Amino acid sequence: MTWTIAHRLVAAAVAWSWSAPVAAAIMCGPHELVTSMLAEEYQERREAIGLSEAGLLMEVFVSPGGTWTILLTSPAGFACILAAGDNYEKAAPRVPEA
């Protein structure tokens, strides 16, 4: 099997998530299962998304209480929690200079 950038990022995410103080019981699994857990256990909803050149979906989930989770999902639908925490604040939009 050839290790693409996407494979290496997911492997790094898994390894890092095991050592991180993430409160979630599920670190990796099917996207639908992980996002359901974030909604049910932490009341987190998707706040932002991004797509890498390798096709990885990055999502930020946030709760009304300020908890947050960054989730990385492969094109096959396998998702891993990269980081989680609290005290989330939405940044004010930048105003372009005239």
N, C-alpha and C. Protein backbone atom coordinates (compact mmCIF):
# COMPACT_ATOMS: atom_id res chain seq x y z
N MET A 1 0.84 -1.19 0.00
CA MET A 1 0.00 0.00 0.00
C MET A 1 0.88 1.24 0.00
N THR A 2 0.59 2.17 -0.88
CA THR A 2 1.33 3.43 -0.94
C THR A 2 0.71 4.42 0.03
N TRP A 3 1.57 5.05 0.85
CA TRP A 3 1.09 6.02 1.83
C TRP A 3 1.01 7.39 1.18
N THR A 4 -0.20 7.86 0.93
CA THR A 4 -0.39 9.19 0.39
C THR A 4 -0.38 10.20 1.53
N ILE A 5 -0.40 11.47 1.17
CA ILE A 5 -0.46 12.53 2.19
C ILE A 5 -1.71 12.35 3.04
N ALA A 6 -2.82 11.98 2.42
CA ALA A 6 -4.07 11.79 3.17
C ALA A 6 -3.92 10.69 4.21
N HIS A 7 -3.29 9.56 3.81
CA HIS A 7 -3.09 8.46 4.76
C HIS A 7 -2.20 8.91 5.92
N ARG A 8 -1.14 9.63 5.61
CA ARG A 8 -0.23 10.08 6.65
C ARG A 8 -0.90 11.06 7.61
N LEU A 9 -1.76 11.94 7.07
CA LEU A 9 -2.47 12.89 7.95
C LEU A 9 -3.44 12.16 8.87
N VAL A 10 -4.15 11.19 8.34
CA VAL A 10 -5.09 10.45 9.18
C VAL A 10 -4.33 9.65 10.23
N ALA A 11 -3.22 9.01 9.84
CA ALA A 11 -2.43 8.25 10.81
C ALA A 11 -1.87 9.17 11.90
N ALA A 12 -1.39 10.35 11.50
CA ALA A 12 -0.88 11.30 12.48
C ALA A 12 -1.99 11.77 13.41
N ALA A 13 -3.17 11.98 12.85
CA ALA A 13 -4.30 12.42 13.66
C ALA A 13 -4.67 11.37 14.69
N VAL A 14 -4.66 10.12 14.27
CA VAL A 14 -4.99 9.03 15.19
C VAL A 14 -3.96 8.96 16.31
N ALA A 15 -2.68 8.98 15.93
CA ALA A 15 -1.62 8.90 16.94
C ALA A 15 -1.68 10.09 17.89
N TRP A 16 -1.87 11.28 17.36
CA TRP A 16 -1.91 12.47 18.21
C TRP A 16 -3.14 12.45 19.10
N SER A 17 -4.28 12.01 18.56
CA SER A 17 -5.51 12.05 19.36
C SER A 17 -5.43 11.11 20.56
N TRP A 18 -4.68 10.03 20.45
CA TRP A 18 -4.55 9.13 21.60
C TRP A 18 -3.79 9.77 22.73
N SER A 19 -2.91 10.72 22.43
CA SER A 19 -2.13 11.36 23.49
C SER A 19 -2.74 12.68 23.94
N ALA A 20 -3.72 13.17 23.23
CA ALA A 20 -4.33 14.46 23.56
C ALA A 20 -5.41 14.28 24.62
N PRO A 21 -5.64 15.29 25.44
CA PRO A 21 -6.67 15.20 26.47
C PRO A 21 -8.06 15.50 25.90
N VAL A 22 -8.50 14.68 24.97
CA VAL A 22 -9.81 14.87 24.34
C VAL A 22 -10.85 14.17 25.19
N ALA A 23 -11.97 14.85 25.45
CA ALA A 23 -12.99 14.31 26.33
C ALA A 23 -13.89 13.28 25.65
N ALA A 24 -13.84 13.19 24.34
CA ALA A 24 -14.75 12.30 23.62
C ALA A 24 -14.35 10.84 23.80
N ALA A 25 -15.36 9.97 23.89
CA ALA A 25 -15.10 8.54 24.04
C ALA A 25 -14.68 7.93 22.70
N ILE A 26 -15.16 8.48 21.60
CA ILE A 26 -14.82 7.98 20.27
C ILE A 26 -13.79 8.91 19.65
N MET A 27 -12.62 8.37 19.31
CA MET A 27 -11.58 9.18 18.67
C MET A 27 -11.69 9.08 17.16
N CYS A 28 -11.97 7.90 16.63
CA CYS A 28 -12.09 7.68 15.19
C CYS A 28 -13.25 6.73 14.92
N GLY A 29 -13.83 6.88 13.76
CA GLY A 29 -14.92 5.99 13.36
C GLY A 29 -15.63 6.55 12.16
N PRO A 30 -16.73 5.94 11.77
CA PRO A 30 -17.51 6.47 10.66
C PRO A 30 -17.97 7.90 10.95
N HIS A 31 -17.94 8.75 9.92
CA HIS A 31 -18.28 10.16 10.08
C HIS A 31 -19.62 10.36 10.77
N GLU A 32 -20.62 9.63 10.32
CA GLU A 32 -21.97 9.78 10.89
C GLU A 32 -21.99 9.44 12.38
N LEU A 33 -21.26 8.41 12.79
CA LEU A 33 -21.21 8.01 14.20
C LEU A 33 -20.52 9.07 15.05
N VAL A 34 -19.38 9.58 14.58
CA VAL A 34 -18.63 10.58 15.35
C VAL A 34 -19.42 11.88 15.46
N THR A 35 -20.01 12.34 14.35
CA THR A 35 -20.77 13.60 14.41
C THR A 35 -22.03 13.46 15.25
N SER A 36 -22.66 12.29 15.24
CA SER A 36 -23.82 12.06 16.10
C SER A 36 -23.43 12.14 17.57
N MET A 37 -22.27 11.56 17.90
CA MET A 37 -21.79 11.60 19.28
C MET A 37 -21.51 13.05 19.71
N LEU A 38 -20.91 13.83 18.82
CA LEU A 38 -20.63 15.24 19.16
C LEU A 38 -21.94 16.00 19.41
N ALA A 39 -22.95 15.73 18.62
CA ALA A 39 -24.24 16.40 18.79
C ALA A 39 -24.94 15.96 20.06
N GLU A 40 -24.98 14.66 20.31
CA GLU A 40 -25.72 14.13 21.46
C GLU A 40 -25.01 14.38 22.78
N GLU A 41 -23.72 14.12 22.83
CA GLU A 41 -22.98 14.21 24.09
C GLU A 41 -22.53 15.64 24.44
N TYR A 42 -22.24 16.43 23.42
CA TYR A 42 -21.65 17.76 23.67
C TYR A 42 -22.47 18.91 23.08
N GLN A 43 -23.59 18.60 22.41
CA GLN A 43 -24.44 19.59 21.77
C GLN A 43 -23.66 20.43 20.76
N GLU A 44 -22.65 19.83 20.14
CA GLU A 44 -21.84 20.55 19.16
C GLU A 44 -22.44 20.42 17.76
N ARG A 45 -22.43 21.54 17.05
CA ARG A 45 -22.92 21.61 15.66
C ARG A 45 -21.80 22.15 14.79
N ARG A 46 -21.82 21.79 13.52
CA ARG A 46 -20.77 22.23 12.60
C ARG A 46 -20.80 23.74 12.42
N GLU A 47 -19.64 24.36 12.61
CA GLU A 47 -19.48 25.81 12.50
C GLU A 47 -18.71 26.19 11.24
N ALA A 48 -17.76 25.35 10.82
CA ALA A 48 -16.92 25.66 9.67
C ALA A 48 -16.45 24.38 9.00
N ILE A 49 -16.15 24.48 7.70
CA ILE A 49 -15.63 23.34 6.95
C ILE A 49 -14.51 23.80 6.02
N GLY A 50 -13.67 22.85 5.63
CA GLY A 50 -12.63 23.10 4.64
C GLY A 50 -12.26 21.79 3.99
N LEU A 51 -11.72 21.86 2.78
CA LEU A 51 -11.35 20.67 2.03
C LEU A 51 -9.90 20.78 1.60
N SER A 52 -9.09 19.76 1.91
CA SER A 52 -7.68 19.76 1.53
C SER A 52 -7.52 19.32 0.09
N GLU A 53 -6.33 19.55 -0.47
CA GLU A 53 -6.05 19.09 -1.82
C GLU A 53 -6.12 17.58 -1.93
N ALA A 54 -5.85 16.89 -0.82
CA ALA A 54 -5.90 15.43 -0.79
C ALA A 54 -7.32 14.90 -0.64
N GLY A 55 -8.30 15.79 -0.52
CA GLY A 55 -9.69 15.37 -0.39
C GLY A 55 -10.15 15.13 1.03
N LEU A 56 -9.35 15.54 2.02
CA LEU A 56 -9.75 15.40 3.42
C LEU A 56 -10.68 16.54 3.81
N LEU A 57 -11.74 16.20 4.49
CA LEU A 57 -12.70 17.20 4.97
C LEU A 57 -12.35 17.57 6.40
N MET A 58 -12.12 18.86 6.66
CA MET A 58 -11.86 19.37 8.00
C MET A 58 -13.11 20.11 8.44
N GLU A 59 -13.60 19.77 9.64
CA GLU A 59 -14.79 20.42 10.18
C GLU A 59 -14.52 20.90 11.60
N VAL A 60 -15.10 22.03 11.94
CA VAL A 60 -15.03 22.55 13.31
C VAL A 60 -16.45 22.50 13.85
N PHE A 61 -16.61 21.81 14.98
CA PHE A 61 -17.90 21.71 15.66
C PHE A 61 -17.84 22.52 16.95
N VAL A 62 -18.93 23.23 17.26
CA VAL A 62 -18.96 24.13 18.41
C VAL A 62 -20.29 23.97 19.14
N SER A 63 -20.25 24.07 20.47
CA SER A 63 -21.47 24.02 21.26
C SER A 63 -21.82 25.43 21.76
N PRO A 64 -23.07 25.65 22.16
CA PRO A 64 -23.44 26.94 22.74
C PRO A 64 -22.65 27.26 24.01
N GLY A 65 -22.17 26.22 24.71
CA GLY A 65 -21.40 26.42 25.93
C GLY A 65 -19.93 26.73 25.70
N GLY A 66 -19.49 26.68 24.44
CA GLY A 66 -18.11 27.04 24.13
C GLY A 66 -17.16 25.88 23.91
N THR A 67 -17.64 24.61 23.98
CA THR A 67 -16.75 23.50 23.66
C THR A 67 -16.59 23.44 22.14
N TRP A 68 -15.45 22.90 21.69
CA TRP A 68 -15.21 22.79 20.25
C TRP A 68 -14.43 21.52 19.95
N THR A 69 -14.59 21.04 18.71
CA THR A 69 -13.90 19.85 18.23
C THR A 69 -13.50 20.07 16.78
N ILE A 70 -12.28 19.67 16.42
CA ILE A 70 -11.84 19.68 15.03
C ILE A 70 -11.82 18.22 14.57
N LEU A 71 -12.54 17.97 13.48
CA LEU A 71 -12.70 16.62 12.95
C LEU A 71 -12.12 16.57 11.54
N LEU A 72 -11.35 15.51 11.24
CA LEU A 72 -10.79 15.29 9.91
C LEU A 72 -11.37 14.00 9.37
N THR A 73 -11.93 14.07 8.15
CA THR A 73 -12.60 12.91 7.56
C THR A 73 -11.99 12.59 6.20
N SER A 74 -11.71 11.31 5.98
CA SER A 74 -11.16 10.85 4.70
C SER A 74 -12.28 10.78 3.67
N PRO A 75 -11.90 10.70 2.37
CA PRO A 75 -12.93 10.55 1.33
C PRO A 75 -13.77 9.28 1.51
N ALA A 76 -13.24 8.28 2.20
CA ALA A 76 -13.99 7.05 2.45
C ALA A 76 -14.98 7.18 3.60
N GLY A 77 -14.98 8.33 4.31
CA GLY A 77 -15.92 8.54 5.39
C GLY A 77 -15.41 8.18 6.76
N PHE A 78 -14.10 7.89 6.90
CA PHE A 78 -13.51 7.58 8.19
C PHE A 78 -13.06 8.88 8.84
N ALA A 79 -13.56 9.17 10.04
CA ALA A 79 -13.31 10.46 10.70
C ALA A 79 -12.51 10.27 11.98
N CYS A 80 -11.61 11.24 12.25
CA CYS A 80 -10.82 11.24 13.48
C CYS A 80 -10.88 12.62 14.12
N ILE A 81 -11.00 12.65 15.43
CA ILE A 81 -10.94 13.91 16.17
C ILE A 81 -9.48 14.32 16.27
N LEU A 82 -9.17 15.53 15.79
CA LEU A 82 -7.80 16.04 15.84
C LEU A 82 -7.53 16.78 17.14
N ALA A 83 -8.52 17.55 17.58
CA ALA A 83 -8.34 18.36 18.79
C ALA A 83 -9.72 18.71 19.33
N ALA A 84 -9.77 19.02 20.62
CA ALA A 84 -11.01 19.45 21.25
C ALA A 84 -10.66 20.32 22.44
N GLY A 85 -11.58 21.19 22.82
CA GLY A 85 -11.34 22.05 23.96
C GLY A 85 -12.56 22.85 24.33
N ASP A 86 -12.32 23.94 25.03
CA ASP A 86 -13.43 24.82 25.41
C ASP A 86 -13.01 26.27 25.25
N ASN A 87 -13.88 27.16 25.66
CA ASN A 87 -13.67 28.62 25.53
C ASN A 87 -13.61 29.08 24.08
N TYR A 88 -14.42 28.47 23.21
CA TYR A 88 -14.47 28.88 21.80
C TYR A 88 -15.09 30.27 21.70
N GLU A 89 -14.50 31.10 20.88
CA GLU A 89 -15.05 32.42 20.59
C GLU A 89 -14.97 32.64 19.09
N LYS A 90 -16.05 33.12 18.53
CA LYS A 90 -16.07 33.41 17.10
C LYS A 90 -15.36 34.75 16.87
N ALA A 91 -14.41 34.75 15.96
CA ALA A 91 -13.66 35.98 15.67
C ALA A 91 -14.52 36.94 14.86
N ALA A 92 -14.30 38.23 15.11
CA ALA A 92 -15.00 39.25 14.33
C ALA A 92 -14.49 39.21 12.89
N PRO A 93 -15.36 39.41 11.91
CA PRO A 93 -14.91 39.40 10.52
C PRO A 93 -13.93 40.54 10.25
N ARG A 94 -12.96 40.24 9.40
CA ARG A 94 -12.01 41.27 9.02
C ARG A 94 -12.67 42.27 8.10
N VAL A 95 -12.36 43.53 8.30
CA VAL A 95 -12.87 44.58 7.43
C VAL A 95 -11.74 44.97 6.48
N PRO A 96 -11.96 44.84 5.16
CA PRO A 96 -10.91 45.19 4.22
C PRO A 96 -10.56 46.67 4.32
N GLU A 97 -9.26 46.94 4.19
CA GLU A 97 -8.82 48.34 4.21
C GLU A 97 -9.15 49.00 2.89
N ALA A 98 -9.51 50.25 2.94
CA ALA A 98 -9.89 50.98 1.73
C ALA A 98 -8.67 51.44 0.96
